C-alpha cells in the first residue's frame, strides 16, 4: 500500500467529528458602518483571513428574528398571507417577527408575534430549527419554534402597515408540504419549517424531544 493510499484509508476509517457549524471568527482589522437603516445596518469589515491574506466584506448587520410553526390537533399549520414589498408579492408564511425589543427572550418574542399576527396563543413551544438564511451577505439568525396547543388569545391587536391586510389560514400540513415542493410557497423560513417538521416525523422523532424553547440563541461573532 502506498503512502497516499494509507492516508486515504485512515481518513475513511477514523471516527468523524459531530456534524456541526464551528465558531472561528477571524480578526477584523477595521470596521466601517455604511448605512444606519430602519431594520438593519450595512457594514464593511477588513478581515485578516490568514497570513498575508486580507480582504473586505460588506454585509447586513441584522437584529435577528423568530418564527412560529403552529400545529393544531387536526394536523394543520397556521399560516398568514402578507404583502412583501421588496419582492412585490403577497406571500404565504408562518408568523414571524424581529428581535427588536431589547431584553425580550426570543421564545417570548415568538409567542407575542404569533398572538399579534394571528390572534392565537401557544400552550407549548419547542425549538424546531435554526437558520442563517444568507450567511454570505448577512449575519441574520432566525429561530423557528414549533407551537402546539394553540388557543384563541384573549387580547386584541391593532395591525398597521404591511400587517394591516394579514390573512390567517389553517392549512393541512400535507397541503403545505405539496405547495413547498411545487414552488407555490417560497418564503425561506416557511419552507425550512414545513420540511423540518416533515423530516422530524419521517425520522420517527417525538416533538417533545426537540430542544426546549428557551435554549440559548445562536451566537453572532463580531457583535462585541
Protein backbone atom coordinates (compact mmCIF):
# COMPACT_ATOMS: atom_id res chain seq x y z
CA UNK A 1 0.00 0.00 0.00
CA UNK A 2 1.39 3.38 -0.99
CA UNK A 3 1.64 6.29 1.46
CA UNK A 4 -1.21 8.11 -0.32
CA UNK A 5 -3.43 5.01 -0.15
CA UNK A 6 -2.62 4.54 3.54
CA UNK A 7 -3.50 8.18 4.31
CA UNK A 8 -6.78 7.90 2.39
CA UNK A 9 -7.64 4.67 4.20
CA UNK A 10 -7.06 6.31 7.60
CA UNK A 11 -9.30 9.23 6.63
CA UNK A 12 -12.07 6.79 5.76
CA UNK A 13 -11.88 4.75 8.96
CA UNK A 14 -11.20 7.27 11.73
CA UNK A 15 -14.23 8.45 13.73
CA UNK A 16 -15.80 11.56 12.29
CA UNK A 17 -16.40 14.62 14.45
CA UNK A 18 -20.04 15.56 15.06
CA UNK A 19 -21.57 17.43 12.12
CA UNK A 20 -21.86 20.99 13.37
CA UNK A 21 -21.01 24.54 12.42
CA UNK A 22 -17.96 25.69 14.37
CA UNK A 23 -17.12 29.24 15.54
CA UNK A 24 -13.90 30.64 14.15
CA UNK A 25 -14.12 34.41 13.94
CA UNK A 26 -11.14 35.86 12.04
CA UNK A 27 -9.65 39.14 13.25
CA UNK A 28 -11.30 42.31 11.96
CA UNK A 29 -8.66 44.92 11.25
CA UNK A 30 -11.20 47.66 10.57
CA UNK A 31 -14.97 48.10 10.51
CA UNK A 32 -16.95 50.87 8.84
CA UNK A 33 -20.70 51.35 9.10
CA UNK A 34 -22.02 52.32 5.68
CA UNK A 35 -25.72 52.52 6.48
CA UNK A 36 -27.79 53.03 9.62
CA UNK A 37 -31.10 51.56 8.49
CA UNK A 38 -34.61 51.18 9.88
CA UNK A 39 -34.33 47.41 10.34
CA UNK A 40 -30.70 46.58 9.59
CA UNK A 41 -27.32 48.24 9.15
CA UNK A 42 -24.74 47.76 6.40
CA UNK A 43 -21.11 47.37 7.45
CA UNK A 44 -17.77 46.83 5.72
CA UNK A 45 -15.14 44.73 7.52
CA UNK A 46 -11.49 44.40 6.63
CA UNK A 47 -10.73 40.78 7.52
CA UNK A 48 -7.31 39.34 8.40
CA UNK A 49 -8.19 35.94 6.97
CA UNK A 50 -4.79 34.23 7.12
CA UNK A 51 -1.08 35.03 6.83
CA UNK A 52 -0.77 37.52 4.03
CA UNK A 53 -4.46 37.28 3.12
CA UNK A 54 -6.69 40.27 3.82
CA UNK A 55 -9.96 41.22 2.17
CA UNK A 56 -13.01 43.48 2.60
CA UNK A 57 -16.55 42.19 3.03
CA UNK A 58 -19.77 44.20 3.08
CA UNK A 59 -22.74 42.60 4.77
CA UNK A 60 -26.02 43.26 6.54
CA UNK A 61 -25.91 43.59 10.31
CA UNK A 62 -29.33 42.27 11.31
CA UNK A 63 -31.23 42.30 14.59
CA UNK A 64 -32.28 38.64 14.22
CA UNK A 65 -35.75 37.13 14.04
CA UNK A 66 -38.05 34.39 15.28
CA UNK A 67 -40.87 32.45 13.63
CA UNK A 68 -43.56 30.03 14.76
CA UNK A 69 -44.93 26.92 13.10
CA UNK A 70 -48.22 26.42 14.97
CA UNK A 71 -49.83 23.00 14.68
CA UNK A 72 -53.35 22.06 15.74
CA UNK A 73 -54.95 18.71 16.60
CA UNK A 74 -56.24 18.33 13.03
CA UNK A 75 -52.62 18.38 11.75
CA UNK A 76 -52.99 21.83 10.25
CA UNK A 77 -50.40 24.59 10.32
CA UNK A 78 -51.29 28.24 10.86
CA UNK A 79 -50.16 30.48 8.01
CA UNK A 80 -50.64 34.10 7.07
CA UNK A 81 -50.71 35.87 3.72
CA UNK A 82 -48.64 39.05 3.87
CA UNK A 83 -47.52 41.61 1.28
CA UNK A 84 -43.74 41.76 0.92
CA UNK A 85 -42.72 44.91 -0.93
CA UNK A 86 -39.11 44.01 -1.91
CA UNK A 87 -40.37 41.02 -3.94
CA UNK A 88 -43.70 42.56 -4.94
CA UNK A 89 -45.72 39.53 -3.86
CA UNK A 90 -48.25 38.50 -1.27
CA UNK A 91 -46.56 35.50 0.33
CA UNK A 92 -47.95 32.68 2.43
CA UNK A 93 -45.75 32.46 5.52
CA UNK A 94 -45.69 31.29 9.09
CA UNK A 95 -45.91 34.08 11.71
CA UNK A 96 -42.56 35.76 12.33
CA UNK A 97 -41.01 38.92 13.69
CA UNK A 98 -37.83 40.77 14.51
CA UNK A 99 -35.91 40.58 17.76
CA UNK A 100 -36.06 44.33 18.09
CA UNK A 101 -37.29 44.74 21.66
CA UNK A 102 -34.24 44.83 23.88
CA UNK A 103 -34.21 42.29 26.71
CA UNK A 104 -37.12 40.21 25.38
CA UNK A 105 -36.35 36.49 25.34
CA UNK A 106 -36.60 35.04 21.81
CA UNK A 107 -39.24 32.43 22.68
CA UNK A 108 -41.40 35.09 24.34
CA UNK A 109 -40.98 37.31 21.27
CA UNK A 110 -42.14 34.40 19.12
CA UNK A 111 -45.25 33.83 21.25
CA UNK A 112 -46.01 37.55 21.11
CA UNK A 113 -45.66 37.64 17.32
CA UNK A 114 -47.96 34.64 16.98
CA UNK A 115 -50.62 36.38 19.05
CA UNK A 116 -50.24 39.75 17.33
CA UNK A 117 -50.38 38.34 13.80
CA UNK A 118 -52.96 35.57 14.19
CA UNK A 119 -54.83 36.05 17.47
CA UNK A 120 -53.62 32.71 18.88
CA UNK A 121 -51.53 31.90 21.95
CA UNK A 122 -49.41 28.74 22.26
CA UNK A 123 -49.59 26.50 25.33
CA UNK A 124 -46.46 24.57 24.35
CA UNK A 125 -43.35 25.52 22.37
CA UNK A 126 -40.16 23.73 21.36
CA UNK A 127 -37.22 24.80 19.19
CA UNK A 128 -37.77 23.29 15.74
CA UNK A 129 -34.91 24.60 13.60
CA UNK A 130 -32.28 27.36 13.46
CA UNK A 131 -31.41 29.21 10.26
CA UNK A 132 -28.81 31.55 8.85
CA UNK A 133 -30.72 32.44 5.66
CA UNK A 134 -27.92 34.27 3.83
CA UNK A 135 -24.57 33.85 5.64
CA UNK A 136 -22.57 35.19 2.70
CA UNK A 137 -24.19 38.60 2.95
CA UNK A 138 -25.89 38.89 6.35
CA UNK A 139 -25.34 37.88 9.97
CA UNK A 140 -29.10 37.37 10.41
CA UNK A 141 -30.15 34.39 12.50
CA UNK A 142 -33.70 33.01 12.68
CA UNK A 143 -35.09 30.51 15.14
CA UNK A 144 -38.29 28.65 14.29
CA UNK A 145 -40.43 27.29 17.11
CA UNK A 146 -42.98 24.50 16.96
CA UNK A 147 -46.08 25.63 18.84
CA UNK A 148 -48.79 23.23 19.99
CA UNK A 149 -51.98 23.52 21.98
CA UNK A 150 -52.77 26.90 20.45
CA UNK A 151 -55.86 28.72 21.63
CA UNK A 152 -57.58 31.98 20.83
CA UNK A 153 -55.91 34.91 22.54
CA UNK A 154 -57.87 37.00 24.98
CA UNK A 155 -56.11 40.14 23.76
CA UNK A 156 -56.95 42.16 20.66
CA UNK A 157 -54.25 43.66 18.48
CA UNK A 158 -54.27 46.53 16.03
CA UNK A 159 -52.35 45.73 12.86
CA UNK A 160 -50.79 48.52 10.80
CA UNK A 161 -48.61 48.97 7.69
CA UNK A 162 -47.88 45.65 5.93
CA UNK A 163 -49.73 43.77 8.66
CA UNK A 164 -52.97 45.68 8.12
CA UNK A 165 -54.09 43.18 5.45
CA UNK A 166 -52.84 39.95 7.04
CA UNK A 167 -54.96 36.94 6.15
CA UNK A 168 -54.62 33.96 8.55
CA UNK A 169 -55.44 30.44 7.38
CA UNK A 170 -55.22 26.95 8.84
CA UNK A 171 -53.62 24.74 6.18
CA UNK A 172 -53.34 20.93 6.28
CA UNK A 173 -49.68 20.06 6.72
CA UNK A 174 -49.75 17.77 3.68
CA UNK A 175 -51.07 20.64 1.55
CA UNK A 176 -48.33 22.95 2.84
CA UNK A 177 -45.64 20.37 2.01
CA UNK A 178 -47.01 19.95 -1.51
CA UNK A 179 -47.13 23.72 -2.01
CA UNK A 180 -43.47 23.97 -0.96
CA UNK A 181 -42.30 21.17 -3.27
CA UNK A 182 -44.27 22.59 -6.20
CA UNK A 183 -42.73 26.02 -5.69
CA UNK A 184 -46.02 27.68 -4.78
CA UNK A 185 -44.70 28.73 -1.35
CA UNK A 186 -41.26 30.34 -1.40
CA UNK A 187 -40.71 32.15 1.89
CA UNK A 188 -37.43 30.59 3.06
CA UNK A 189 -38.31 30.38 6.74
CA UNK A 190 -41.65 28.76 5.97
CA UNK A 191 -40.07 26.26 3.56
CA UNK A 192 -37.48 25.27 6.17
CA UNK A 193 -40.05 24.97 8.94
CA UNK A 194 -42.53 22.83 6.99
CA UNK A 195 -39.84 20.47 5.70
CA UNK A 196 -38.19 20.28 9.13
CA UNK A 197 -41.47 19.13 10.67
CA UNK A 198 -41.91 16.55 7.92
CA UNK A 199 -38.32 15.33 8.45
CA UNK A 200 -38.98 15.08 12.18
CA UNK A 201 -41.89 12.77 11.51
CA UNK A 202 -40.03 10.74 8.89
CA UNK A 203 -37.32 10.06 11.47
CA UNK A 204 -39.93 8.97 13.99
CA UNK A 205 -38.80 11.60 16.49
CA UNK A 206 -41.19 12.77 19.18
CA UNK A 207 -41.67 16.57 19.06
CA UNK A 208 -41.27 16.60 22.84
CA UNK A 209 -37.64 15.53 22.26
CA UNK A 210 -36.89 18.77 20.44
CA UNK A 211 -34.76 21.38 22.17
CA UNK A 212 -36.61 23.46 24.77
CA UNK A 213 -37.93 26.82 23.66
CA UNK A 214 -35.58 28.68 25.98
CA UNK A 215 -32.42 27.04 24.56
CA UNK A 216 -29.63 29.59 24.16
CA UNK A 217 -29.96 31.58 20.95
CA UNK A 218 -27.35 31.38 18.20
CA UNK A 219 -24.22 33.46 18.68
CA UNK A 220 -23.27 36.22 16.27
CA UNK A 221 -19.49 36.73 16.45
CA UNK A 222 -18.19 40.24 15.99
CA UNK A 223 -21.04 41.97 17.80
CA UNK A 224 -18.94 42.96 20.77
